[in-house]
PDB file of all heavy atoms in Angstrom:
ATOM      1  N   ASN A   1       0.899  -1.215  -0.005  1.00  0.00           N
ATOM      2  CA  ASN A   1       0.031   0.008  -0.003  1.00  0.00           C
ATOM      3  C   ASN A   1       0.884   1.202  -0.042  1.00  0.00           C
ATOM      4  O   ASN A   1       2.115   1.088  -0.161  1.00  0.00           O
ATOM      5  CB  ASN A   1      -0.978   0.009   1.144  1.00  0.00           C
ATOM      6  CG  ASN A   1      -0.276   0.029   2.600  1.00  0.00           C
ATOM      7  OD1 ASN A   1       0.909   0.375   2.669  1.00  0.00           O
ATOM      8  ND2 ASN A   1      -0.983  -0.430   3.605  1.00  0.00           N
ATOM      9  N   GLU A   2       0.287   2.425   0.142  1.00  0.00           N
ATOM     10  CA  GLU A   2       0.961   3.691   0.091  1.00  0.00           C
ATOM     11  C   GLU A   2       2.014   3.860   1.133  1.00  0.00           C
ATOM     12  O   GLU A   2       2.793   4.836   1.109  1.00  0.00           O
ATOM     13  CB  GLU A   2       0.039   4.811   0.052  1.00  0.00           C
ATOM     14  CG  GLU A   2      -0.710   5.110   1.376  1.00  0.00           C
ATOM     15  CD  GLU A   2      -1.907   4.187   1.586  1.00  0.00           C
ATOM     16  OE1 GLU A   2      -2.163   3.327   0.642  1.00  0.00           O
ATOM     17  OE2 GLU A   2      -2.610   4.253   2.588  1.00  0.00           O
ATOM     18  N   ASN A   3       2.059   2.926   2.191  1.00  0.00           N
ATOM     19  CA  ASN A   3       3.100   3.123   3.274  1.00  0.00           C
ATOM     20  C   ASN A   3       4.382   2.418   2.955  1.00  0.00           C
ATOM     21  O   ASN A   3       5.351   2.582   3.792  1.00  0.00           O
ATOM     22  CB  ASN A   3       2.533   2.499   4.511  1.00  0.00           C
ATOM     23  CG  ASN A   3       1.233   3.314   5.016  1.00  0.00           C
ATOM     24  OD1 ASN A   3       1.244   4.510   5.033  1.00  0.00           O
ATOM     25  ND2 ASN A   3       0.162   2.601   5.249  1.00  0.00           N
ATOM     26  N   VAL A   4       4.535   1.682   1.812  1.00  0.00           N
ATOM     27  CA  VAL A   4       5.746   1.023   1.512  1.00  0.00           C
ATOM     28  C   VAL A   4       6.099   1.231   0.093  1.00  0.00           C
ATOM     29  O   VAL A   4       5.218   1.390  -0.733  1.00  0.00           O
ATOM     30  CB  VAL A   4       5.591  -0.586   1.811  1.00  0.00           C
ATOM     31  CG1 VAL A   4       5.262  -0.767   3.260  1.00  0.00           C
ATOM     32  CG2 VAL A   4       4.514  -1.159   0.926  1.00  0.00           C
ATOM     33  N   LEU A   5       7.391   1.122  -0.177  1.00  0.00           N
ATOM     34  CA  LEU A   5       7.950   1.225  -1.534  1.00  0.00           C
ATOM     35  C   LEU A   5       7.478  -0.035  -2.329  1.00  0.00           C
ATOM     36  O   LEU A   5       7.442  -1.167  -1.754  1.00  0.00           O
ATOM     37  CB  LEU A   5       9.470   1.250  -1.562  1.00  0.00           C
ATOM     38  CG  LEU A   5      10.177   1.690  -2.837  1.00  0.00           C
ATOM     39  CD1 LEU A   5       9.971   3.118  -3.103  1.00  0.00           C
ATOM     40  CD2 LEU A   5      11.686   1.322  -2.698  1.00  0.00           C
ATOM     41  N   ILE A   6       7.149   0.109  -3.555  1.00  0.00           N
ATOM     42  CA  ILE A   6       6.731  -1.104  -4.369  1.00  0.00           C
ATOM     43  C   ILE A   6       7.959  -1.942  -4.685  1.00  0.00           C
ATOM     44  O   ILE A   6       8.925  -1.321  -5.292  1.00  0.00           O
ATOM     45  CB  ILE A   6       6.040  -0.581  -5.614  1.00  0.00           C
ATOM     46  CG1 ILE A   6       4.662   0.226  -5.250  1.00  0.00           C
ATOM     47  CG2 ILE A   6       5.685  -1.743  -6.558  1.00  0.00           C
ATOM     48  CD1 ILE A   6       4.175   0.965  -6.493  1.00  0.00           C
ATOM     49  N   PRO A   7       7.956  -3.165  -4.389  1.00  0.00           N
ATOM     50  CA  PRO A   7       9.110  -4.012  -4.747  1.00  0.00           C
ATOM     51  C   PRO A   7       9.281  -4.057  -6.305  1.00  0.00           C
ATOM     52  O   PRO A   7       8.249  -4.104  -7.105  1.00  0.00           O
ATOM     53  CB  PRO A   7       8.642  -5.425  -4.288  1.00  0.00           C
ATOM     54  CG  PRO A   7       7.614  -5.076  -3.247  1.00  0.00           C
ATOM     55  CD  PRO A   7       6.909  -3.882  -3.649  1.00  0.00           C
ATOM     56  N   ARG A   8      10.509  -3.901  -6.673  1.00  0.00           N
ATOM     57  CA  ARG A   8      10.828  -3.898  -8.097  1.00  0.00           C
ATOM     58  C   ARG A   8      11.780  -5.071  -8.504  1.00  0.00           C
ATOM     59  O   ARG A   8      12.507  -5.580  -7.670  1.00  0.00           O
ATOM     60  CB  ARG A   8      11.500  -2.614  -8.472  1.00  0.00           C
ATOM     61  CG  ARG A   8      10.530  -1.410  -8.454  1.00  0.00           C
ATOM     62  CD  ARG A   8      11.242  -0.067  -8.311  1.00  0.00           C
ATOM     63  NE  ARG A   8      10.328   1.003  -8.639  1.00  0.00           N
ATOM     64  CZ  ARG A   8       9.528   1.534  -7.680  1.00  0.00           C
ATOM     65  NH1 ARG A   8       9.452   1.030  -6.536  1.00  0.00           N
ATOM     66  NH2 ARG A   8       8.787   2.582  -7.980  1.00  0.00           N
ATOM     67  N   GLN A   9      11.706  -5.468  -9.758  1.00  0.00           N
ATOM     68  CA  GLN A   9      12.439  -6.628 -10.224  1.00  0.00           C
ATOM     69  C   GLN A   9      14.017  -6.420 -10.028  1.00  0.00           C
ATOM     70  O   GLN A   9      14.716  -7.278  -9.725  1.00  0.00           O
ATOM     71  CB  GLN A   9      12.161  -6.893 -11.708  1.00  0.00           C
ATOM     72  CG  GLN A   9      12.844  -8.175 -12.237  1.00  0.00           C
ATOM     73  CD  GLN A   9      12.541  -8.401 -13.686  1.00  0.00           C
ATOM     74  OE1 GLN A   9      11.998  -7.528 -14.432  1.00  0.00           O
ATOM     75  NE2 GLN A   9      12.846  -9.648 -14.142  1.00  0.00           N
ATOM     76  N   ASP A  10      14.429  -5.224 -10.118  1.00  0.00           N
ATOM     77  CA  ASP A  10      15.880  -4.781  -9.928  1.00  0.00           C
ATOM     78  C   ASP A  10      16.315  -5.322  -8.540  1.00  0.00           C
ATOM     79  O   ASP A  10      17.451  -5.773  -8.420  1.00  0.00           O
ATOM     80  CB  ASP A  10      16.125  -3.372 -10.030  1.00  0.00           C
ATOM     81  CG  ASP A  10      16.042  -2.940 -11.552  1.00  0.00           C
ATOM     82  OD1 ASP A  10      16.058  -3.706 -12.458  1.00  0.00           O
ATOM     83  OD2 ASP A  10      15.792  -1.726 -11.722  1.00  0.00           O
ATOM     84  N   THR A  11      15.470  -5.294  -7.561  1.00  0.00           N
ATOM     85  CA  THR A  11      15.849  -5.585  -6.179  1.00  0.00           C
ATOM     86  C   THR A  11      16.059  -7.050  -6.027  1.00  0.00           C
ATOM     87  O   THR A  11      16.685  -7.459  -5.019  1.00  0.00           O
ATOM     88  CB  THR A  11      14.787  -5.009  -5.241  1.00  0.00           C
ATOM     89  OG1 THR A  11      14.644  -3.645  -5.430  1.00  0.00           O
ATOM     90  CG2 THR A  11      15.214  -5.305  -3.766  1.00  0.00           C
ATOM     91  N   GLU A  12      15.442  -7.936  -6.959  1.00  0.00           N
ATOM     92  CA  GLU A  12      15.657  -9.348  -6.860  1.00  0.00           C
ATOM     93  C   GLU A  12      17.203  -9.669  -6.866  1.00  0.00           C
ATOM     94  O   GLU A  12      17.637 -10.668  -6.297  1.00  0.00           O
ATOM     95  CB  GLU A  12      14.931 -10.050  -7.990  1.00  0.00           C
ATOM     96  CG  GLU A  12      13.386  -9.909  -7.824  1.00  0.00           C
ATOM     97  CD  GLU A  12      12.713 -10.687  -8.896  1.00  0.00           C
ATOM     98  OE1 GLU A  12      13.284 -11.236  -9.726  1.00  0.00           O
ATOM     99  OE2 GLU A  12      11.470 -10.721  -8.802  1.00  0.00           O
ATOM    100  N   LEU A  13      17.939  -8.882  -7.562  1.00  0.00           N
ATOM    101  CA  LEU A  13      19.437  -9.140  -7.571  1.00  0.00           C
ATOM    102  C   LEU A  13      20.056  -9.006  -6.147  1.00  0.00           C
ATOM    103  O   LEU A  13      20.970  -9.870  -5.864  1.00  0.00           O
ATOM    104  CB  LEU A  13      20.190  -8.105  -8.445  1.00  0.00           C
ATOM    105  CG  LEU A  13      21.651  -8.237  -8.585  1.00  0.00           C
ATOM    106  CD1 LEU A  13      22.008  -9.640  -9.104  1.00  0.00           C
ATOM    107  CD2 LEU A  13      22.262  -7.179  -9.543  1.00  0.00           C
ATOM    108  N   LEU A  14      19.490  -8.145  -5.340  1.00  0.00           N
ATOM    109  CA  LEU A  14      20.057  -8.064  -3.947  1.00  0.00           C
ATOM    110  C   LEU A  14      19.727  -9.360  -3.205  1.00  0.00           C
ATOM    111  O   LEU A  14      20.517  -9.913  -2.431  1.00  0.00           O
ATOM    112  CB  LEU A  14      19.367  -6.853  -3.259  1.00  0.00           C
ATOM    113  CG  LEU A  14      19.718  -6.637  -1.837  1.00  0.00           C
ATOM    114  CD1 LEU A  14      21.268  -6.402  -1.595  1.00  0.00           C
ATOM    115  CD2 LEU A  14      18.916  -5.494  -1.177  1.00  0.00           C
ATOM    116  N   VAL A  15      18.493  -9.876  -3.406  1.00  0.00           N
ATOM    117  CA  VAL A  15      18.093 -11.103  -2.643  1.00  0.00           C
ATOM    118  C   VAL A  15      18.918 -12.247  -3.209  1.00  0.00           C
ATOM    119  O   VAL A  15      19.454 -13.138  -2.486  1.00  0.00           O
ATOM    120  CB  VAL A  15      16.590 -11.408  -2.945  1.00  0.00           C
ATOM    121  CG1 VAL A  15      16.202 -12.709  -2.278  1.00  0.00           C
ATOM    122  CG2 VAL A  15      15.751 -10.242  -2.358  1.00  0.00           C
ATOM    123  N   GLU A  16      19.176 -12.306  -4.573  1.00  0.00           N
ATOM    124  CA  GLU A  16      19.918 -13.486  -5.191  1.00  0.00           C
ATOM    125  C   GLU A  16      21.389 -13.426  -4.695  1.00  0.00           C
ATOM    126  O   GLU A  16      22.009 -14.441  -4.571  1.00  0.00           O
ATOM    127  CB  GLU A  16      19.826 -13.390  -6.720  1.00  0.00           C
ATOM    128  CG  GLU A  16      18.463 -13.585  -7.266  1.00  0.00           C
ATOM    129  CD  GLU A  16      18.244 -13.197  -8.667  1.00  0.00           C
ATOM    130  OE1 GLU A  16      19.213 -12.526  -9.289  1.00  0.00           O
ATOM    131  OE2 GLU A  16      17.117 -13.450  -9.289  1.00  0.00           O
ATOM    132  N   THR A  17      21.922 -12.145  -4.410  1.00  0.00           N
ATOM    133  CA  THR A  17      23.209 -12.043  -3.939  1.00  0.00           C
ATOM    134  C   THR A  17      23.355 -12.521  -2.487  1.00  0.00           C
ATOM    135  O   THR A  17      24.307 -13.163  -2.113  1.00  0.00           O
ATOM    136  CB  THR A  17      23.636 -10.571  -3.999  1.00  0.00           C
ATOM    137  OG1 THR A  17      23.633 -10.139  -5.348  1.00  0.00           O
ATOM    138  CG2 THR A  17      25.153 -10.401  -3.483  1.00  0.00           C
ATOM    139  N   ALA A  18      22.306 -12.196  -1.708  1.00  0.00           N
ATOM    140  CA  ALA A  18      22.439 -12.670  -0.298  1.00  0.00           C
ATOM    141  C   ALA A  18      22.092 -14.121   0.061  1.00  0.00           C
ATOM    142  O   ALA A  18      22.679 -14.675   0.964  1.00  0.00           O
ATOM    143  CB  ALA A  18      21.405 -11.703   0.490  1.00  0.00           C
ATOM    144  N   ILE A  19      21.232 -14.695  -0.781  1.00  0.00           N
ATOM    145  CA  ILE A  19      20.745 -16.103  -0.403  1.00  0.00           C
ATOM    146  C   ILE A  19      21.950 -16.962  -0.176  1.00  0.00           C
ATOM    147  O   ILE A  19      21.988 -17.742   0.823  1.00  0.00           O
ATOM    148  CB  ILE A  19      19.769 -16.584  -1.553  1.00  0.00           C
ATOM    149  CG1 ILE A  19      18.447 -15.940  -1.369  1.00  0.00           C
ATOM    150  CG2 ILE A  19      19.676 -18.087  -1.411  1.00  0.00           C
ATOM    151  CD1 ILE A  19      17.404 -16.238  -2.437  1.00  0.00           C
ATOM    152  N   PRO A  20      22.961 -17.104  -1.096  1.00  0.00           N
ATOM    153  CA  PRO A  20      24.035 -18.028  -0.872  1.00  0.00           C
ATOM    154  C   PRO A  20      24.869 -17.758   0.385  1.00  0.00           C
ATOM    155  O   PRO A  20      25.567 -18.684   0.837  1.00  0.00           O
ATOM    156  CB  PRO A  20      24.927 -17.910  -2.150  1.00  0.00           C
ATOM    157  CG  PRO A  20      24.023 -17.231  -3.121  1.00  0.00           C
ATOM    158  CD  PRO A  20      23.068 -16.433  -2.266  1.00  0.00           C
ATOM    159  N   LEU A  21      24.733 -16.590   0.984  1.00  0.00           N
ATOM    160  CA  LEU A  21      25.526 -16.216   2.111  1.00  0.00           C
ATOM    161  C   LEU A  21      24.795 -16.511   3.414  1.00  0.00           C
ATOM    162  O   LEU A  21      25.420 -16.338   4.504  1.00  0.00           O
ATOM    163  CB  LEU A  21      25.832 -14.706   2.054  1.00  0.00           C
ATOM    164  CG  LEU A  21      26.370 -14.126   0.839  1.00  0.00           C
ATOM    165  CD1 LEU A  21      26.449 -12.597   0.831  1.00  0.00           C
ATOM    166  CD2 LEU A  21      27.857 -14.760   0.458  1.00  0.00           C
ATOM    167  N   CYS A  22      23.546 -16.870   3.360  1.00  0.00           N
ATOM    168  CA  CYS A  22      22.684 -16.894   4.522  1.00  0.00           C
ATOM    169  C   CYS A  22      22.473 -18.197   5.197  1.00  0.00           C
ATOM    170  O   CYS A  22      21.671 -18.292   6.187  1.00  0.00           O
ATOM    171  CB  CYS A  22      21.321 -16.217   4.135  1.00  0.00           C
ATOM    172  SG  CYS A  22      21.413 -14.535   3.754  1.00  0.00           S
ATOM    173  N   ASN A  23      23.035 -19.228   4.624  1.00  0.00           N
ATOM    174  CA  ASN A  23      22.743 -20.640   5.245  1.00  0.00           C
ATOM    175  C   ASN A  23      23.218 -20.704   6.728  1.00  0.00           C
ATOM    176  O   ASN A  23      24.359 -20.579   7.041  1.00  0.00           O
ATOM    177  CB  ASN A  23      23.529 -21.656   4.381  1.00  0.00           C
ATOM    178  CG  ASN A  23      23.262 -23.076   4.904  1.00  0.00           C
ATOM    179  OD1 ASN A  23      22.169 -23.352   5.403  1.00  0.00           O
ATOM    180  ND2 ASN A  23      24.194 -23.989   4.737  1.00  0.00           N
ATOM    181  N   GLY A  24      22.207 -20.896   7.677  1.00  0.00           N
ATOM    182  CA  GLY A  24      22.486 -21.041   8.964  1.00  0.00           C
ATOM    183  C   GLY A  24      22.978 -19.628   9.650  1.00  0.00           C
ATOM    184  O   GLY A  24      23.463 -19.665  10.726  1.00  0.00           O
ATOM    185  N   LYS A  25      22.738 -18.590   9.006  1.00  0.00           N
ATOM    186  CA  LYS A  25      23.182 -17.281   9.483  1.00  0.00           C
ATOM    187  C   LYS A  25      22.033 -16.411  10.060  1.00  0.00           C
ATOM    188  O   LYS A  25      20.983 -16.649   9.865  1.00  0.00           O
ATOM    189  CB  LYS A  25      23.778 -16.510   8.366  1.00  0.00           C
ATOM    190  CG  LYS A  25      24.971 -17.271   7.554  1.00  0.00           C
ATOM    191  CD  LYS A  25      26.146 -17.589   8.515  1.00  0.00           C
ATOM    192  CE  LYS A  25      27.292 -18.257   7.692  1.00  0.00           C
ATOM    193  NZ  LYS A  25      28.455 -18.518   8.657  1.00  0.00           N
ATOM    194  N   ARG A  26      22.422 -15.404  10.805  1.00  0.00           N
ATOM    195  CA  ARG A  26      21.631 -14.393  11.352  1.00  0.00           C
ATOM    196  C   ARG A  26      21.649 -13.218  10.420  1.00  0.00           C
ATOM    197  O   ARG A  26      22.684 -12.674  10.116  1.00  0.00           O
ATOM    198  CB  ARG A  26      22.028 -13.911  12.774  1.00  0.00           C
ATOM    199  CG  ARG A  26      21.004 -13.103  13.508  1.00  0.00           C
ATOM    200  CD  ARG A  26      21.377 -12.899  14.947  1.00  0.00           C
ATOM    201  NE  ARG A  26      20.198 -12.212  15.594  1.00  0.00           N
ATOM    202  CZ  ARG A  26      20.291 -11.135  16.337  1.00  0.00           C
ATOM    203  NH1 ARG A  26      21.486 -10.450  16.447  1.00  0.00           N
ATOM    204  NH2 ARG A  26      19.238 -10.660  16.901  1.00  0.00           N
ATOM    205  N   VAL A  27      20.452 -12.854   9.901  1.00  0.00           N
ATOM    206  CA  VAL A  27      20.284 -11.835   8.822  1.00  0.00           C
ATOM    207  C   VAL A  27      19.531 -10.626   9.355  1.00  0.00           C
ATOM    208  O   VAL A  27      18.476 -10.785   9.969  1.00  0.00           O
ATOM    209  CB  VAL A  27      19.654 -12.475   7.643  1.00  0.00           C
ATOM    210  CG1 VAL A  27      19.504 -11.427   6.518  1.00  0.00           C
ATOM    211  CG2 VAL A  27      20.364 -13.624   7.094  1.00  0.00           C
ATOM    212  N   LEU A  28      19.935  -9.431   8.986  1.00  0.00           N
ATOM    213  CA  LEU A  28      19.234  -8.193   9.303  1.00  0.00           C
ATOM    214  C   LEU A  28      18.869  -7.523   7.992  1.00  0.00           C
ATOM    215  O   LEU A  28      19.732  -7.300   7.090  1.00  0.00           O
ATOM    216  CB  LEU A  28      20.139  -7.261  10.079  1.00  0.00           C
ATOM    217  CG  LEU A  28      19.630  -5.840  10.331  1.00  0.00           C
ATOM    218  CD1 LEU A  28      18.275  -5.869  11.208  1.00  0.00           C
ATOM    219  CD2 LEU A  28      20.648  -4.989  10.959  1.00  0.00           C
ATOM    220  N   ASP A  29      17.614  -7.212   7.821  1.00  0.00           N
ATOM    221  CA  ASP A  29      17.020  -6.436   6.602  1.00  0.00           C
ATOM    222  C   ASP A  29      16.727  -5.030   7.185  1.00  0.00           C
ATOM    223  O   ASP A  29      15.676  -4.814   7.748  1.00  0.00           O
ATOM    224  CB  ASP A  29      15.892  -7.129   6.007  1.00  0.00           C
ATOM    225  CG  ASP A  29      15.300  -6.435   4.917  1.00  0.00           C
ATOM    226  OD1 ASP A  29      15.860  -5.495   4.413  1.00  0.00           O
ATOM    227  OD2 ASP A  29      14.174  -6.811   4.471  1.00  0.00           O
ATOM    228  N   LEU A  30      17.577  -4.030   6.802  1.00  0.00           N
ATOM    229  CA  LEU A  30      17.373  -2.637   7.175  1.00  0.00           C
ATOM    230  C   LEU A  30      16.623  -2.042   6.166  1.00  0.00           C
ATOM    231  O   LEU A  30      16.726  -2.269   4.899  1.00  0.00           O
ATOM    232  CB  LEU A  30      18.807  -1.991   7.295  1.00  0.00           C
ATOM    233  CG  LEU A  30      19.535  -2.079   8.531  1.00  0.00           C
ATOM    234  CD1 LEU A  30      20.913  -1.302   8.399  1.00  0.00           C
ATOM    235  CD2 LEU A  30      18.845  -1.523   9.756  1.00  0.00           C
ATOM    236  N   CYS A  31      15.685  -1.101   6.585  1.00  0.00           N
ATOM    237  CA  CYS A  31      14.764  -0.409   5.711  1.00  0.00           C
ATOM    238  C   CYS A  31      13.888  -1.462   4.963  1.00  0.00           C
ATOM    239  O   CYS A  31      13.726  -1.351   3.657  1.00  0.00           O
ATOM    240  CB  CYS A  31      15.470   0.459   4.760  1.00  0.00           C
ATOM    241  SG  CYS A  31      16.732   1.626   5.484  1.00  0.00           S
ATOM    242  N   THR A  32      13.266  -2.334   5.688  1.00  0.00           N
ATOM    243  CA  THR A  32      12.613  -3.411   5.134  1.00  0.00           C
ATOM    244  C   THR A  32      11.398  -3.178   4.321  1.00  0.00           C
ATOM    245  O   THR A  32      11.028  -3.949   3.348  1.00  0.00           O
ATOM    246  CB  THR A  32      12.328  -4.508   6.186  1.00  0.00           C
ATOM    247  OG1 THR A  32      11.904  -5.700   5.601  1.00  0.00           O
ATOM    248  CG2 THR A  32      11.193  -4.059   7.082  1.00  0.00           C
ATOM    249  N   GLY A  33      10.673  -2.103   4.628  1.00  0.00           N
ATOM    250  CA  GLY A  33       9.476  -1.772   3.921  1.00  0.00           C
ATOM    251  C   GLY A  33       8.431  -2.832   3.992  1.00  0.00           C
ATOM    252  O   GLY A  33       7.933  -3.258   5.058  1.00  0.00           O
TER     253      GLY A  33
END
């Protein structure tokens, strides 16, 4: 809704970059929206 930024396809690269690093890890998502 109007309270959050609309997720965009470009941001999927950030997720794809992080996923291999996160196995069994503690993860913080800053500015999560």
